Amino acid sequence: MRFAVMDASGAPLPNARVDIWHCNAAGLYSGYAGQGDKQGISTKGSTFLRTSTSRC
């Protein structure tokens, strides 16, 4: 994945932090309670399928 972080005028934002995360195959996101069809699934305290970088 490659991208640039810029302000509204198109100038680069140095040292910007970018978080990238998505759901697992079951459609659950890490770190959230009350998920699923019946809202009973919790992944609180989990950090699966996430990454963070400040090298933009």
PDB file of N, CA and C in Angstrom:
ATOM      1  N   MET A   1       0.851  -1.144   0.000  1.00  0.00           N
ATOM      2  CA  MET A   1       0.000   0.000   0.000  1.00  0.00           C
ATOM      3  C   MET A   1       0.914   1.229   0.000  1.00  0.00           C
ATOM      4  N   ARG A   2       0.581   2.177  -0.825  1.00  0.00           N
ATOM      5  CA  ARG A   2       1.377   3.398  -0.899  1.00  0.00           C
ATOM      6  C   ARG A   2       0.430   4.575  -1.004  1.00  0.00           C
ATOM      7  N   PHE A   3       0.669   5.599  -0.216  1.00  0.00           N
ATOM      8  CA  PHE A   3      -0.180   6.782  -0.251  1.00  0.00           C
ATOM      9  C   PHE A   3       0.580   7.960   0.314  1.00  0.00           C
ATOM     10  N   ALA A   4       0.036   9.145   0.118  1.00  0.00           N
ATOM     11  CA  ALA A   4       0.622  10.371   0.649  1.00  0.00           C
ATOM     12  C   ALA A   4      -0.423  11.073   1.513  1.00  0.00           C
ATOM     13  N   VAL A   5       0.025  11.640   2.625  1.00  0.00           N
ATOM     14  CA  VAL A   5      -0.874  12.388   3.507  1.00  0.00           C
ATOM     15  C   VAL A   5      -0.591  13.865   3.281  1.00  0.00           C
ATOM     16  N   MET A   6      -1.641  14.594   2.863  1.00  0.00           N
ATOM     17  CA  MET A   6      -1.474  16.002   2.521  1.00  0.00           C
ATOM     18  C   MET A   6      -2.559  16.841   3.185  1.00  0.00           C
ATOM     19  N   ASP A   7      -2.280  18.128   3.332  1.00  0.00           N
ATOM     20  CA  ASP A   7      -3.310  19.024   3.856  1.00  0.00           C
ATOM     21  C   ASP A   7      -4.220  19.470   2.706  1.00  0.00           C
ATOM     22  N   ALA A   8      -5.171  20.327   3.004  1.00  0.00           N
ATOM     23  CA  ALA A   8      -6.161  20.756   2.007  1.00  0.00           C
ATOM     24  C   ALA A   8      -5.538  21.474   0.816  1.00  0.00           C
ATOM     25  N   SER A   9      -4.353  22.069   1.010  1.00  0.00           N
ATOM     26  CA  SER A   9      -3.703  22.774  -0.096  1.00  0.00           C
ATOM     27  C   SER A   9      -2.798  21.859  -0.916  1.00  0.00           C
ATOM     28  N   GLY A  10      -2.650  20.603  -0.488  1.00  0.00           N
ATOM     29  CA  GLY A  10      -1.815  19.658  -1.219  1.00  0.00           C
ATOM     30  C   GLY A  10      -0.399  19.556  -0.699  1.00  0.00           C
ATOM     31  N   ALA A  11      -0.085  20.261   0.394  1.00  0.00           N
ATOM     32  CA  ALA A  11       1.254  20.195   0.979  1.00  0.00           C
ATOM     33  C   ALA A  11       1.367  18.930   1.843  1.00  0.00           C
ATOM     34  N   PRO A  12       2.515  18.250   1.786  1.00  0.00           N
ATOM     35  CA  PRO A  12       2.690  17.047   2.594  1.00  0.00           C
ATOM     36  C   PRO A  12       2.623  17.361   4.092  1.00  0.00           C
ATOM     37  N   LEU A  13       2.071  16.434   4.867  1.00  0.00           N
ATOM     38  CA  LEU A  13       2.022  16.565   6.325  1.00  0.00           C
ATOM     39  C   LEU A  13       3.087  15.650   6.922  1.00  0.00           C
ATOM     40  N   PRO A  14       4.232  16.210   7.303  1.00  0.00           N
ATOM     41  CA  PRO A  14       5.303  15.372   7.845  1.00  0.00           C
ATOM     42  C   PRO A  14       4.899  14.796   9.199  1.00  0.00           C
ATOM     43  N   ASN A  15       5.353  13.569   9.456  1.00  0.00           N
ATOM     44  CA  ASN A  15       5.133  12.872  10.726  1.00  0.00           C
ATOM     45  C   ASN A  15       3.661  12.611  11.038  1.00  0.00           C
ATOM     46  N   ALA A  16       2.818  12.592  10.021  1.00  0.00           N
ATOM     47  CA  ALA A  16       1.408  12.251  10.233  1.00  0.00           C
ATOM     48  C   ALA A  16       1.319  10.774  10.585  1.00  0.00           C
ATOM     49  N   ARG A  17       0.429  10.425  11.490  1.00  0.00           N
ATOM     50  CA  ARG A  17       0.225   9.024  11.859  1.00  0.00           C
ATOM     51  C   ARG A  17      -0.961   8.485  11.085  1.00  0.00           C
ATOM     52  N   VAL A  18      -0.804   7.311  10.510  1.00  0.00           N
ATOM     53  CA  VAL A  18      -1.857   6.672   9.735  1.00  0.00           C
ATOM     54  C   VAL A  18      -2.163   5.319  10.368  1.00  0.00           C
ATOM     55  N   ASP A  19      -3.422   5.085  10.708  1.00  0.00           N
ATOM     56  CA  ASP A  19      -3.870   3.798  11.236  1.00  0.00           C
ATOM     57  C   ASP A  19      -4.624   3.065  10.146  1.00  0.00           C
ATOM     58  N   ILE A  20      -4.277   1.799   9.948  1.00  0.00           N
ATOM     59  CA  ILE A  20      -4.934   0.970   8.939  1.00  0.00           C
ATOM     60  C   ILE A  20      -5.452  -0.275   9.644  1.00  0.00           C
ATOM     61  N   TRP A  21      -6.752  -0.525   9.519  1.00  0.00           N
ATOM     62  CA  TRP A  21      -7.320  -1.736  10.104  1.00  0.00           C
ATOM     63  C   TRP A  21      -8.594  -2.110   9.387  1.00  0.00           C
ATOM     64  N   HIS A  22      -8.960  -3.366   9.497  1.00  0.00           N
ATOM     65  CA  HIS A  22     -10.168  -3.852   8.843  1.00  0.00           C
ATOM     66  C   HIS A  22     -10.724  -5.022   9.639  1.00  0.00           C
ATOM     67  N   CYS A  23     -11.884  -5.486   9.259  1.00  0.00           N
ATOM     68  CA  CYS A  23     -12.537  -6.586   9.974  1.00  0.00           C
ATOM     69  C   CYS A  23     -11.940  -7.927   9.572  1.00  0.00           C
ATOM     70  N   ASN A  24     -12.213  -8.945  10.398  1.00  0.00           N
ATOM     71  CA  ASN A  24     -11.795 -10.302  10.067  1.00  0.00           C
ATOM     72  C   ASN A  24     -12.846 -10.947   9.151  1.00  0.00           C
ATOM     73  N   ALA A  25     -12.688 -12.224   8.848  1.00  0.00           N
ATOM     74  CA  ALA A  25     -13.604 -12.902   7.929  1.00  0.00           C
ATOM     75  C   ALA A  25     -15.035 -12.949   8.451  1.00  0.00           C
ATOM     76  N   ALA A  26     -15.211 -12.870   9.772  1.00  0.00           N
ATOM     77  CA  ALA A  26     -16.550 -12.887  10.368  1.00  0.00           C
ATOM     78  C   ALA A  26     -17.175 -11.493  10.424  1.00  0.00           C
ATOM     79  N   GLY A  27     -16.434 -10.476   9.979  1.00  0.00           N
ATOM     80  CA  GLY A  27     -16.952  -9.111   9.996  1.00  0.00           C
ATOM     81  C   GLY A  27     -16.775  -8.395  11.310  1.00  0.00           C
ATOM     82  N   LEU A  28     -15.867  -8.891  12.160  1.00  0.00           N
ATOM     83  CA  LEU A  28     -15.638  -8.287  13.473  1.00  0.00           C
ATOM     84  C   LEU A  28     -14.380  -7.432  13.452  1.00  0.00           C
ATOM     85  N   TYR A  29     -14.451  -6.292  14.118  1.00  0.00           N
ATOM     86  CA  TYR A  29     -13.314  -5.392  14.270  1.00  0.00           C
ATOM     87  C   TYR A  29     -12.706  -5.577  15.642  1.00  0.00           C
ATOM     88  N   SER A  30     -11.394  -5.496  15.742  1.00  0.00           N
ATOM     89  CA  SER A  30     -10.740  -5.645  17.037  1.00  0.00           C
ATOM     90  C   SER A  30     -10.977  -4.414  17.909  1.00  0.00           C
ATOM     91  N   GLY A  31     -11.103  -4.660  19.221  1.00  0.00           N
ATOM     92  CA  GLY A  31     -11.202  -3.578  20.185  1.00  0.00           C
ATOM     93  C   GLY A  31     -12.599  -3.069  20.471  1.00  0.00           C
ATOM     94  N   TYR A  32     -13.638  -3.737  19.976  1.00  0.00           N
ATOM     95  CA  TYR A  32     -15.006  -3.245  20.161  1.00  0.00           C
ATOM     96  C   TYR A  32     -15.915  -4.311  20.759  1.00  0.00           C
ATOM     97  N   ALA A  33     -16.773  -3.889  21.661  1.00  0.00           N
ATOM     98  CA  ALA A  33     -17.809  -4.757  22.220  1.00  0.00           C
ATOM     99  C   ALA A  33     -19.093  -4.565  21.413  1.00  0.00           C
ATOM    100  N   GLY A  34     -20.051  -5.460  21.597  1.00  0.00           N
ATOM    101  CA  GLY A  34     -21.364  -5.298  20.973  1.00  0.00           C
ATOM    102  C   GLY A  34     -21.369  -5.461  19.471  1.00  0.00           C
ATOM    103  N   GLN A  35     -20.702  -6.482  18.974  1.00  0.00           N
ATOM    104  CA  GLN A  35     -20.675  -6.733  17.540  1.00  0.00           C
ATOM    105  C   GLN A  35     -21.453  -7.999  17.212  1.00  0.00           C
ATOM    106  N   GLY A  36     -21.688  -8.225  15.972  1.00  0.00           N
ATOM    107  CA  GLY A  36     -22.382  -9.421  15.513  1.00  0.00           C
ATOM    108  C   GLY A  36     -23.869  -9.167  15.365  1.00  0.00           C
ATOM    109  N   ASP A  37     -24.556 -10.130  14.783  1.00  0.00           N
ATOM    110  CA  ASP A  37     -25.991  -9.984  14.524  1.00  0.00           C
ATOM    111  C   ASP A  37     -26.798  -9.716  15.784  1.00  0.00           C
ATOM    112  N   LYS A  38     -26.443 -10.358  16.862  1.00  0.00           N
ATOM    113  CA  LYS A  38     -27.185 -10.174  18.111  1.00  0.00           C
ATOM    114  C   LYS A  38     -26.443  -9.242  19.069  1.00  0.00           C
ATOM    115  N   GLN A  39     -25.396  -8.587  18.610  1.00  0.00           N
ATOM    116  CA  GLN A  39     -24.614  -7.599  19.362  1.00  0.00           C
ATOM    117  C   GLN A  39     -23.978  -8.175  20.625  1.00  0.00           C
ATOM    118  N   GLY A  40     -23.727  -9.476  20.673  1.00  0.00           N
ATOM    119  CA  GLY A  40     -23.178 -10.092  21.872  1.00  0.00           C
ATOM    120  C   GLY A  40     -21.705 -10.431  21.802  1.00  0.00           C
ATOM    121  N   ILE A  41     -21.053 -10.129  20.709  1.00  0.00           N
ATOM    122  CA  ILE A  41     -19.647 -10.496  20.550  1.00  0.00           C
ATOM    123  C   ILE A  41     -18.769  -9.312  20.930  1.00  0.00           C
ATOM    124  N   SER A  42     -17.758  -9.593  21.746  1.00  0.00           N
ATOM    125  CA  SER A  42     -16.832  -8.541  22.162  1.00  0.00           C
ATOM    126  C   SER A  42     -15.410  -8.915  21.767  1.00  0.00           C
ATOM    127  N   THR A  43     -14.694  -7.977  21.190  1.00  0.00           N
ATOM    128  CA  THR A  43     -13.274  -8.151  20.886  1.00  0.00           C
ATOM    129  C   THR A  43     -12.464  -7.099  21.639  1.00  0.00           C
ATOM    130  N   LYS A  44     -13.049  -6.532  22.705  1.00  0.00           N
ATOM    131  CA  LYS A  44     -12.350  -5.527  23.514  1.00  0.00           C
ATOM    132  C   LYS A  44     -11.027  -6.086  23.993  1.00  0.00           C
ATOM    133  N   GLY A  45      -9.994  -5.267  23.926  1.00  0.00           N
ATOM    134  CA  GLY A  45      -8.663  -5.684  24.331  1.00  0.00           C
ATOM    135  C   GLY A  45      -7.860  -6.345  23.220  1.00  0.00           C
ATOM    136  N   SER A  46      -8.483  -6.629  22.094  1.00  0.00           N
ATOM    137  CA  SER A  46      -7.792  -7.241  20.956  1.00  0.00           C
ATOM    138  C   SER A  46      -7.315  -6.162  19.989  1.00  0.00           C
ATOM    139  N   THR A  47      -6.260  -6.473  19.260  1.00  0.00           N
ATOM    140  CA  THR A  47      -5.744  -5.522  18.265  1.00  0.00           C
ATOM    141  C   THR A  47      -5.441  -6.215  16.938  1.00  0.00           C
ATOM    142  N   PHE A  48      -6.167  -7.300  16.642  1.00  0.00           N
ATOM    143  CA  PHE A  48      -5.886  -8.023  15.407  1.00  0.00           C
ATOM    144  C   PHE A  48      -6.243  -7.194  14.172  1.00  0.00           C
ATOM    145  N   LEU A  49      -5.525  -7.437  13.091  1.00  0.00           N
ATOM    146  CA  LEU A  49      -5.723  -6.802  11.785  1.00  0.00           C
ATOM    147  C   LEU A  49      -5.612  -5.270  11.832  1.00  0.00           C
ATOM    148  N   ARG A  50      -4.695  -4.781  12.641  1.00  0.00           N
ATOM    149  CA  ARG A  50      -4.444  -3.336  12.713  1.00  0.00           C
ATOM    150  C   ARG A  50      -2.947  -3.070  12.549  1.00  0.00           C
ATOM    151  N   THR A  51      -2.650  -1.918  12.054  1.00  0.00           N
ATOM    152  CA  THR A  51      -1.257  -1.466  12.024  1.00  0.00           C
ATOM    153  C   THR A  51      -1.263   0.051  12.079  1.00  0.00           C
ATOM    154  N   SER A  52      -0.154   0.602  12.455  1.00  0.00           N
ATOM    155  CA  SER A  52      -0.027   2.046  12.547  1.00  0.00           C
ATOM    156  C   SER A  52       1.388   2.425  12.126  1.00  0.00           C
ATOM    157  N   THR A  53       1.491   3.512  11.407  1.00  0.00           N
ATOM    158  CA  THR A  53       2.799   3.972  10.988  1.00  0.00           C
ATOM    159  C   THR A  53       2.841   5.485  10.995  1.00  0.00           C
ATOM    160  N   SER A  54       4.005   6.035  11.254  1.00  0.00           N
ATOM    161  CA  SER A  54       4.187   7.483  11.155  1.00  0.00           C
ATOM    162  C   SER A  54       5.202   7.813  10.078  1.00  0.00           C
ATOM    163  N   ARG A  55       5.555   6.830   9.259  1.00  0.00           N
ATOM    164  CA  ARG A  55       6.502   7.056   8.159  1.00  0.00           C
ATOM    165  C   ARG A  55       5.734   7.265   6.879  1.00  0.00           C
ATOM    166  N   CYS A  56       5.304   8.481   6.650  1.00  0.00           N
ATOM    167  CA  CYS A  56       4.512   8.786   5.448  1.00  0.00           C
ATOM    168  C   CYS A  56       5.332   9.596   4.478  1.00  0.00           C
TER     169      CYS A  56
END
